[in-house]
């Protein structure tokens, strides 16, 4: 099994615009027992990936509690970079 941060990046090579909630739901089966599998850690990983140019913020919304939800996606060039470094 690959490290959680790698799995998060690989997620964006196969899915479109997604929020932290969608990423967590998709990875929950394999990573739910990881200590760092929590909303704050995954938001941190998403923000780091964005700062490194691997994903980009494409939308924002408010959830049912009025909290800001950011949506990210990887463009084709970013997907190619991720796939060249992280193999399936």
PDB file of N, CA and C in Angstrom:
ATOM      1  N   UNK A   1       0.849  -1.171   0.000  1.00  0.00           N
ATOM      2  CA  UNK A   1       0.000   0.000   0.000  1.00  0.00           C
ATOM      3  C   UNK A   1       0.903   1.245   0.000  1.00  0.00           C
ATOM      4  N   UNK A   2       0.540   2.200  -0.826  1.00  0.00           N
ATOM      5  CA  UNK A   2       1.354   3.414  -0.919  1.00  0.00           C
ATOM      6  C   UNK A   2       1.062   4.361   0.241  1.00  0.00           C
ATOM      7  N   UNK A   3       1.986   5.267   0.545  1.00  0.00           N
ATOM      8  CA  UNK A   3       1.745   6.252   1.600  1.00  0.00           C
ATOM      9  C   UNK A   3       0.483   7.076   1.306  1.00  0.00           C
ATOM     10  N   UNK A   4      -0.163   7.537   2.348  1.00  0.00           N
ATOM     11  CA  UNK A   4      -1.417   8.280   2.216  1.00  0.00           C
ATOM     12  C   UNK A   4      -1.271   9.495   1.301  1.00  0.00           C
ATOM     13  N   UNK A   5      -0.204  10.272   1.450  1.00  0.00           N
ATOM     14  CA  UNK A   5      -0.041  11.454   0.599  1.00  0.00           C
ATOM     15  C   UNK A   5       0.062  11.075  -0.872  1.00  0.00           C
ATOM     16  N   UNK A   6       0.710   9.960  -1.169  1.00  0.00           N
ATOM     17  CA  UNK A   6       0.778   9.482  -2.552  1.00  0.00           C
ATOM     18  C   UNK A   6      -0.616   9.089  -3.042  1.00  0.00           C
ATOM     19  N   UNK A   7      -1.370   8.418  -2.197  1.00  0.00           N
ATOM     20  CA  UNK A   7      -2.724   7.996  -2.565  1.00  0.00           C
ATOM     21  C   UNK A   7      -3.612   9.207  -2.851  1.00  0.00           C
ATOM     22  N   UNK A   8      -3.429  10.263  -2.079  1.00  0.00           N
ATOM     23  CA  UNK A   8      -4.202  11.490  -2.312  1.00  0.00           C
ATOM     24  C   UNK A   8      -3.864  12.065  -3.683  1.00  0.00           C
ATOM     25  N   UNK A   9      -2.585  12.139  -4.012  1.00  0.00           N
ATOM     26  CA  UNK A   9      -2.187  12.647  -5.324  1.00  0.00           C
ATOM     27  C   UNK A   9      -2.710  11.754  -6.443  1.00  0.00           C
ATOM     28  N   UNK A  10      -2.576  10.445  -6.285  1.00  0.00           N
ATOM     29  CA  UNK A  10      -3.060   9.512  -7.308  1.00  0.00           C
ATOM     30  C   UNK A  10      -4.575   9.624  -7.488  1.00  0.00           C
ATOM     31  N   UNK A  11      -5.282   9.919  -6.406  1.00  0.00           N
ATOM     32  CA  UNK A  11      -6.734  10.119  -6.492  1.00  0.00           C
ATOM     33  C   UNK A  11      -7.060  11.161  -7.567  1.00  0.00           C
ATOM     34  N   UNK A  12      -6.297  12.236  -7.582  1.00  0.00           N
ATOM     35  CA  UNK A  12      -6.585  13.328  -8.516  1.00  0.00           C
ATOM     36  C   UNK A  12      -6.201  13.007  -9.956  1.00  0.00           C
ATOM     37  N   UNK A  13      -5.492  11.928 -10.185  1.00  0.00           N
ATOM     38  CA  UNK A  13      -5.204  11.518 -11.560  1.00  0.00           C
ATOM     39  C   UNK A  13      -6.365  10.737 -12.157  1.00  0.00           C
ATOM     40  N   UNK A  14      -7.301  10.328 -11.305  1.00  0.00           N
ATOM     41  CA  UNK A  14      -8.417   9.493 -11.766  1.00  0.00           C
ATOM     42  C   UNK A  14      -9.787  10.125 -11.547  1.00  0.00           C
ATOM     43  N   UNK A  15      -9.814  11.248 -10.848  1.00  0.00           N
ATOM     44  CA  UNK A  15     -11.081  11.909 -10.541  1.00  0.00           C
ATOM     45  C   UNK A  15     -11.000  13.384 -10.908  1.00  0.00           C
ATOM     46  N   UNK A  16     -12.158  13.972 -11.125  1.00  0.00           N
ATOM     47  CA  UNK A  16     -12.220  15.396 -11.429  1.00  0.00           C
ATOM     48  C   UNK A  16     -12.214  16.227 -10.156  1.00  0.00           C
ATOM     49  N   UNK A  17     -12.851  17.353 -10.236  1.00  0.00           N
ATOM     50  CA  UNK A  17     -12.928  18.288  -9.119  1.00  0.00           C
ATOM     51  C   UNK A  17     -13.479  17.593  -7.877  1.00  0.00           C
ATOM     52  N   UNK A  18     -12.734  17.702  -6.770  1.00  0.00           N
ATOM     53  CA  UNK A  18     -13.120  17.013  -5.538  1.00  0.00           C
ATOM     54  C   UNK A  18     -12.738  17.826  -4.313  1.00  0.00           C
ATOM     55  N   UNK A  19     -13.514  17.628  -3.265  1.00  0.00           N
ATOM     56  CA  UNK A  19     -13.233  18.261  -1.973  1.00  0.00           C
ATOM     57  C   UNK A  19     -12.575  17.243  -1.042  1.00  0.00           C
ATOM     58  N   UNK A  20     -12.186  17.712   0.115  1.00  0.00           N
ATOM     59  CA  UNK A  20     -11.597  16.833   1.120  1.00  0.00           C
ATOM     60  C   UNK A  20     -12.557  15.692   1.468  1.00  0.00           C
ATOM     61  N   UNK A  21     -13.854  15.972   1.474  1.00  0.00           N
ATOM     62  CA  UNK A  21     -14.841  14.951   1.828  1.00  0.00           C
ATOM     63  C   UNK A  21     -14.868  13.815   0.802  1.00  0.00           C
ATOM     64  N   UNK A  22     -14.783  14.156  -0.474  1.00  0.00           N
ATOM     65  CA  UNK A  22     -14.797  13.136  -1.521  1.00  0.00           C
ATOM     66  C   UNK A  22     -13.500  12.321  -1.517  1.00  0.00           C
ATOM     67  N   UNK A  23     -12.399  12.992  -1.281  1.00  0.00           N
ATOM     68  CA  UNK A  23     -11.117  12.286  -1.193  1.00  0.00           C
ATOM     69  C   UNK A  23     -11.159  11.298  -0.030  1.00  0.00           C
ATOM     70  N   UNK A  24     -11.630  11.755   1.114  1.00  0.00           N
ATOM     71  CA  UNK A  24     -11.694  10.884   2.289  1.00  0.00           C
ATOM     72  C   UNK A  24     -12.620   9.696   2.054  1.00  0.00           C
ATOM     73  N   UNK A  25     -13.761   9.939   1.447  1.00  0.00           N
ATOM     74  CA  UNK A  25     -14.701   8.845   1.195  1.00  0.00           C
ATOM     75  C   UNK A  25     -14.082   7.792   0.283  1.00  0.00           C
ATOM     76  N   UNK A  26     -13.363   8.243  -0.729  1.00  0.00           N
ATOM     77  CA  UNK A  26     -12.745   7.322  -1.676  1.00  0.00           C
ATOM     78  C   UNK A  26     -11.617   6.505  -1.046  1.00  0.00           C
ATOM     79  N   UNK A  27     -10.851   7.123  -0.155  1.00  0.00           N
ATOM     80  CA  UNK A  27      -9.684   6.457   0.434  1.00  0.00           C
ATOM     81  C   UNK A  27      -9.975   5.763   1.766  1.00  0.00           C
ATOM     82  N   UNK A  28     -11.171   5.964   2.289  1.00  0.00           N
ATOM     83  CA  UNK A  28     -11.526   5.456   3.616  1.00  0.00           C
ATOM     84  C   UNK A  28     -11.300   3.959   3.770  1.00  0.00           C
ATOM     85  N   UNK A  29     -11.664   3.187   2.778  1.00  0.00           N
ATOM     86  CA  UNK A  29     -11.558   1.727   2.882  1.00  0.00           C
ATOM     87  C   UNK A  29     -10.138   1.284   3.234  1.00  0.00           C
ATOM     88  N   UNK A  30      -9.145   1.873   2.584  1.00  0.00           N
ATOM     89  CA  UNK A  30      -7.763   1.447   2.771  1.00  0.00           C
ATOM     90  C   UNK A  30      -7.010   2.215   3.854  1.00  0.00           C
ATOM     91  N   UNK A  31      -7.421   3.439   4.152  1.00  0.00           N
ATOM     92  CA  UNK A  31      -6.616   4.291   5.016  1.00  0.00           C
ATOM     93  C   UNK A  31      -7.297   4.725   6.317  1.00  0.00           C
ATOM     94  N   UNK A  32      -8.497   4.263   6.582  1.00  0.00           N
ATOM     95  CA  UNK A  32      -9.236   4.752   7.752  1.00  0.00           C
ATOM     96  C   UNK A  32      -8.524   4.506   9.081  1.00  0.00           C
ATOM     97  N   UNK A  33      -7.640   3.522   9.139  1.00  0.00           N
ATOM     98  CA  UNK A  33      -6.930   3.240  10.388  1.00  0.00           C
ATOM     99  C   UNK A  33      -5.608   3.990  10.528  1.00  0.00           C
ATOM    100  N   UNK A  34      -5.243   4.771   9.528  1.00  0.00           N
ATOM    101  CA  UNK A  34      -4.031   5.574   9.607  1.00  0.00           C
ATOM    102  C   UNK A  34      -4.255   6.742  10.559  1.00  0.00           C
ATOM    103  N   UNK A  35      -3.282   7.020  11.389  1.00  0.00           N
ATOM    104  CA  UNK A  35      -3.384   8.122  12.343  1.00  0.00           C
ATOM    105  C   UNK A  35      -3.627   9.455  11.643  1.00  0.00           C
ATOM    106  N   UNK A  36      -3.013   9.642  10.475  1.00  0.00           N
ATOM    107  CA  UNK A  36      -3.149  10.907   9.757  1.00  0.00           C
ATOM    108  C   UNK A  36      -4.374  10.956   8.841  1.00  0.00           C
ATOM    109  N   UNK A  37      -5.221   9.938   8.905  1.00  0.00           N
ATOM    110  CA  UNK A  37      -6.439   9.957   8.094  1.00  0.00           C
ATOM    111  C   UNK A  37      -7.524  10.713   8.848  1.00  0.00           C
ATOM    112  N   UNK A  38      -7.429  12.019   8.775  1.00  0.00           N
ATOM    113  CA  UNK A  38      -8.438  12.897   9.370  1.00  0.00           C
ATOM    114  C   UNK A  38      -8.537  14.137   8.497  1.00  0.00           C
ATOM    115  N   UNK A  39      -9.614  14.849   8.653  1.00  0.00           N
ATOM    116  CA  UNK A  39      -9.903  15.993   7.791  1.00  0.00           C
ATOM    117  C   UNK A  39      -8.775  17.012   7.781  1.00  0.00           C
ATOM    118  N   UNK A  40      -8.270  17.389   8.930  1.00  0.00           N
ATOM    119  CA  UNK A  40      -7.227  18.418   8.988  1.00  0.00           C
ATOM    120  C   UNK A  40      -5.944  17.988   8.294  1.00  0.00           C
ATOM    121  N   UNK A  41      -5.529  16.749   8.485  1.00  0.00           N
ATOM    122  CA  UNK A  41      -4.312  16.260   7.834  1.00  0.00           C
ATOM    123  C   UNK A  41      -4.472  16.192   6.322  1.00  0.00           C
ATOM    124  N   UNK A  42      -5.642  15.796   5.871  1.00  0.00           N
ATOM    125  CA  UNK A  42      -5.854  15.704   4.432  1.00  0.00           C
ATOM    126  C   UNK A  42      -5.975  17.093   3.812  1.00  0.00           C
ATOM    127  N   UNK A  43      -6.603  18.026   4.503  1.00  0.00           N
ATOM    128  CA  UNK A  43      -6.621  19.416   4.017  1.00  0.00           C
ATOM    129  C   UNK A  43      -5.194  19.938   3.900  1.00  0.00           C
ATOM    130  N   UNK A  44      -4.375  19.638   4.878  1.00  0.00           N
ATOM    131  CA  UNK A  44      -2.967  20.045   4.833  1.00  0.00           C
ATOM    132  C   UNK A  44      -2.257  19.437   3.617  1.00  0.00           C
ATOM    133  N   UNK A  45      -2.508  18.168   3.344  1.00  0.00           N
ATOM    134  CA  UNK A  45      -1.906  17.510   2.183  1.00  0.00           C
ATOM    135  C   UNK A  45      -2.390  18.153   0.880  1.00  0.00           C
ATOM    136  N   UNK A  46      -3.673  18.497   0.819  1.00  0.00           N
ATOM    137  CA  UNK A  46      -4.212  19.150  -0.379  1.00  0.00           C
ATOM    138  C   UNK A  46      -3.587  20.526  -0.585  1.00  0.00           C
ATOM    139  N   UNK A  47      -3.447  21.277   0.495  1.00  0.00           N
ATOM    140  CA  UNK A  47      -2.850  22.611   0.397  1.00  0.00           C
ATOM    141  C   UNK A  47      -1.374  22.525   0.007  1.00  0.00           C
ATOM    142  N   UNK A  48      -0.681  21.517   0.494  1.00  0.00           N
ATOM    143  CA  UNK A  48       0.723  21.313   0.125  1.00  0.00           C
ATOM    144  C   UNK A  48       0.835  20.957  -1.355  1.00  0.00           C
ATOM    145  N   UNK A  49      -0.042  20.066  -1.822  1.00  0.00           N
ATOM    146  CA  UNK A  49      -0.040  19.694  -3.239  1.00  0.00           C
ATOM    147  C   UNK A  49      -0.352  20.914  -4.111  1.00  0.00           C
ATOM    148  N   UNK A  50      -1.259  21.753  -3.639  1.00  0.00           N
ATOM    149  CA  UNK A  50      -1.570  22.974  -4.393  1.00  0.00           C
ATOM    150  C   UNK A  50      -0.365  23.915  -4.416  1.00  0.00           C
ATOM    151  N   UNK A  51       0.284  24.096  -3.280  1.00  0.00           N
ATOM    152  CA  UNK A  51       1.456  24.977  -3.207  1.00  0.00           C
ATOM    153  C   UNK A  51       2.587  24.477  -4.105  1.00  0.00           C
ATOM    154  N   UNK A  52       2.654  23.168  -4.310  1.00  0.00           N
ATOM    155  CA  UNK A  52       3.677  22.580  -5.167  1.00  0.00           C
ATOM    156  C   UNK A  52       3.244  22.475  -6.625  1.00  0.00           C
ATOM    157  N   UNK A  53       2.069  22.998  -6.948  1.00  0.00           N
ATOM    158  CA  UNK A  53       1.602  23.037  -8.328  1.00  0.00           C
ATOM    159  C   UNK A  53       1.083  21.731  -8.875  1.00  0.00           C
ATOM    160  N   UNK A  54       0.767  20.771  -8.008  1.00  0.00           N
ATOM    161  CA  UNK A  54       0.284  19.474  -8.480  1.00  0.00           C
ATOM    162  C   UNK A  54      -1.228  19.406  -8.620  1.00  0.00           C
ATOM    163  N   UNK A  55      -1.934  20.208  -7.856  1.00  0.00           N
ATOM    164  CA  UNK A  55      -3.383  20.359  -8.004  1.00  0.00           C
ATOM    165  C   UNK A  55      -3.683  21.848  -7.901  1.00  0.00           C
ATOM    166  N   UNK A  56      -4.892  22.220  -8.316  1.00  0.00           N
ATOM    167  CA  UNK A  56      -5.272  23.625  -8.222  1.00  0.00           C
ATOM    168  C   UNK A  56      -6.687  23.744  -7.674  1.00  0.00           C
ATOM    169  N   UNK A  57      -6.921  24.815  -6.950  1.00  0.00           N
ATOM    170  CA  UNK A  57      -8.257  25.093  -6.435  1.00  0.00           C
ATOM    171  C   UNK A  57      -9.117  25.543  -7.600  1.00  0.00           C
ATOM    172  N   UNK A  58     -10.285  24.914  -7.754  1.00  0.00           N
ATOM    173  CA  UNK A  58     -11.145  25.230  -8.889  1.00  0.00           C
ATOM    174  C   UNK A  58     -12.514  25.746  -8.484  1.00  0.00           C
ATOM    175  N   UNK A  59     -12.880  25.578  -7.224  1.00  0.00           N
ATOM    176  CA  UNK A  59     -14.205  26.011  -6.791  1.00  0.00           C
ATOM    177  C   UNK A  59     -14.248  26.055  -5.270  1.00  0.00           C
ATOM    178  N   UNK A  60     -15.247  26.709  -4.763  1.00  0.00           N
ATOM    179  CA  UNK A  60     -15.475  26.726  -3.317  1.00  0.00           C
ATOM    180  C   UNK A  60     -16.973  26.783  -3.066  1.00  0.00           C
ATOM    181  N   UNK A  61     -17.361  26.337  -1.886  1.00  0.00           N
ATOM    182  CA  UNK A  61     -18.767  26.296  -1.515  1.00  0.00           C
ATOM    183  C   UNK A  61     -18.847  26.277   0.006  1.00  0.00           C
ATOM    184  N   UNK A  62     -20.038  26.347   0.527  1.00  0.00           N
ATOM    185  CA  UNK A  62     -20.257  26.196   1.963  1.00  0.00           C
ATOM    186  C   UNK A  62     -20.972  24.881   2.209  1.00  0.00           C
ATOM    187  N   UNK A  63     -20.547  24.149   3.253  1.00  0.00           N
ATOM    188  CA  UNK A  63     -21.252  22.908   3.588  1.00  0.00           C
ATOM    189  C   UNK A  63     -22.494  23.233   4.404  1.00  0.00           C
ATOM    190  N   UNK A  64     -23.198  22.195   4.851  1.00  0.00           N
ATOM    191  CA  UNK A  64     -24.455  22.387   5.578  1.00  0.00           C
ATOM    192  C   UNK A  64     -24.275  23.120   6.908  1.00  0.00           C
ATOM    193  N   UNK A  65     -23.044  23.156   7.415  1.00  0.00           N
ATOM    194  CA  UNK A  65     -22.761  23.860   8.666  1.00  0.00           C
ATOM    195  C   UNK A  65     -22.190  25.260   8.430  1.00  0.00           C
ATOM    196  N   UNK A  66     -22.126  25.674   7.184  1.00  0.00           N
ATOM    197  CA  UNK A  66     -21.596  26.985   6.857  1.00  0.00           C
ATOM    198  C   UNK A  66     -20.077  27.044   6.788  1.00  0.00           C
ATOM    199  N   UNK A  67     -19.416  25.885   6.759  1.00  0.00           N
ATOM    200  CA  UNK A  67     -17.955  25.840   6.652  1.00  0.00           C
ATOM    201  C   UNK A  67     -17.533  25.886   5.188  1.00  0.00           C
ATOM    202  N   UNK A  68     -16.443  26.569   4.927  1.00  0.00           N
ATOM    203  CA  UNK A  68     -15.907  26.666   3.582  1.00  0.00           C
ATOM    204  C   UNK A  68     -15.377  25.308   3.121  1.00  0.00           C
ATOM    205  N   UNK A  69     -15.762  24.907   1.919  1.00  0.00           N
ATOM    206  CA  UNK A  69     -15.282  23.665   1.308  1.00  0.00           C
ATOM    207  C   UNK A  69     -14.612  24.045  -0.008  1.00  0.00           C
ATOM    208  N   UNK A  70     -13.335  23.676  -0.140  1.00  0.00           N
ATOM    209  CA  UNK A  70     -12.586  23.963  -1.355  1.00  0.00           C
ATOM    210  C   UNK A  70     -12.539  22.726  -2.232  1.00  0.00           C
ATOM    211  N   UNK A  71     -12.595  22.935  -3.534  1.00  0.00           N
ATOM    212  CA  UNK A  71     -12.530  21.849  -4.507  1.00  0.00           C
ATOM    213  C   UNK A  71     -11.252  22.004  -5.321  1.00  0.00           C
ATOM    214  N   UNK A  72     -10.576  20.889  -5.528  1.00  0.00           N
ATOM    215  CA  UNK A  72      -9.306  20.866  -6.239  1.00  0.00           C
ATOM    216  C   UNK A  72      -9.397  19.894  -7.400  1.00  0.00           C
ATOM    217  N   UNK A  73      -8.513  20.088  -8.379  1.00  0.00           N
ATOM    218  CA  UNK A  73      -8.345  19.110  -9.446  1.00  0.00           C
ATOM    219  C   UNK A  73      -6.938  19.222 -10.006  1.00  0.00           C
ATOM    220  N   UNK A  74      -6.535  18.185 -10.702  1.00  0.00           N
ATOM    221  CA  UNK A  74      -5.228  18.164 -11.364  1.00  0.00           C
ATOM    222  C   UNK A  74      -5.460  18.320 -12.861  1.00  0.00           C
ATOM    223  N   UNK A  75      -4.704  19.220 -13.485  1.00  0.00           N
ATOM    224  CA  UNK A  75      -4.809  19.348 -14.939  1.00  0.00           C
ATOM    225  C   UNK A  75      -3.994  18.230 -15.595  1.00  0.00           C
ATOM    226  N   UNK A  76      -4.035  18.138 -16.918  1.00  0.00           N
ATOM    227  CA  UNK A  76      -3.365  17.044 -17.624  1.00  0.00           C
ATOM    228  C   UNK A  76      -1.867  17.019 -17.331  1.00  0.00           C
ATOM    229  N   UNK A  77      -1.219  18.159 -17.369  1.00  0.00           N
ATOM    230  CA  UNK A  77       0.221  18.209 -17.100  1.00  0.00           C
ATOM    231  C   UNK A  77       0.535  17.711 -15.689  1.00  0.00           C
ATOM    232  N   UNK A  78      -0.260  18.127 -14.720  1.00  0.00           N
ATOM    233  CA  UNK A  78      -0.059  17.682 -13.337  1.00  0.00           C
ATOM    234  C   UNK A  78      -0.283  16.180 -13.196  1.00  0.00           C
ATOM    235  N   UNK A  79      -1.304  15.668 -13.875  1.00  0.00           N
ATOM    236  CA  UNK A  79      -1.560  14.225 -13.841  1.00  0.00           C
ATOM    237  C   UNK A  79      -0.365  13.460 -14.402  1.00  0.00           C
ATOM    238  N   UNK A  80       0.188  13.973 -15.502  1.00  0.00           N
ATOM    239  CA  UNK A  80       1.356  13.320 -16.105  1.00  0.00           C
ATOM    240  C   UNK A  80       2.543  13.322 -15.144  1.00  0.00           C
ATOM    241  N   UNK A  81       2.749  14.433 -14.450  1.00  0.00           N
ATOM    242  CA  UNK A  81       3.856  14.529 -13.483  1.00  0.00           C
ATOM    243  C   UNK A  81       3.647  13.549 -12.333  1.00  0.00           C
ATOM    244  N   UNK A  82       2.446  13.552 -11.773  1.00  0.00           N
ATOM    245  CA  UNK A  82       2.136  12.641 -10.662  1.00  0.00           C
ATOM    246  C   UNK A  82       2.342  11.194 -11.097  1.00  0.00           C
ATOM    247  N   UNK A  83       1.810  10.846 -12.268  1.00  0.00           N
ATOM    248  CA  UNK A  83       1.906   9.467 -12.755  1.00  0.00           C
ATOM    249  C   UNK A  83       3.348   9.065 -13.083  1.00  0.00           C
ATOM    250  N   UNK A  84       4.187  10.026 -13.438  1.00  0.00           N
ATOM    251  CA  UNK A  84       5.572   9.683 -13.734  1.00  0.00           C
ATOM    252  C   UNK A  84       6.372   9.377 -12.469  1.00  0.00           C
ATOM    253  N   UNK A  85       5.965   9.943 -11.349  1.00  0.00           N
ATOM    254  CA  UNK A  85       6.684   9.720 -10.092  1.00  0.00           C
ATOM    255  C   UNK A  85       6.034   8.672  -9.201  1.00  0.00           C
ATOM    256  N   UNK A  86       4.724   8.527  -9.295  1.00  0.00           N
ATOM    257  CA  UNK A  86       4.002   7.576  -8.440  1.00  0.00           C
ATOM    258  C   UNK A  86       3.312   6.562  -9.350  1.00  0.00           C
ATOM    259  N   UNK A  87       3.848   5.371  -9.391  1.00  0.00           N
ATOM    260  CA  UNK A  87       3.303   4.305 -10.248  1.00  0.00           C
ATOM    261  C   UNK A  87       2.176   3.581  -9.526  1.00  0.00           C
ATOM    262  N   UNK A  88       1.230   3.084 -10.309  1.00  0.00           N
ATOM    263  CA  UNK A  88       0.110   2.295  -9.743  1.00  0.00           C
ATOM    264  C   UNK A  88       0.614   0.966  -9.242  1.00  0.00           C
TER     265      UNK A  88
END
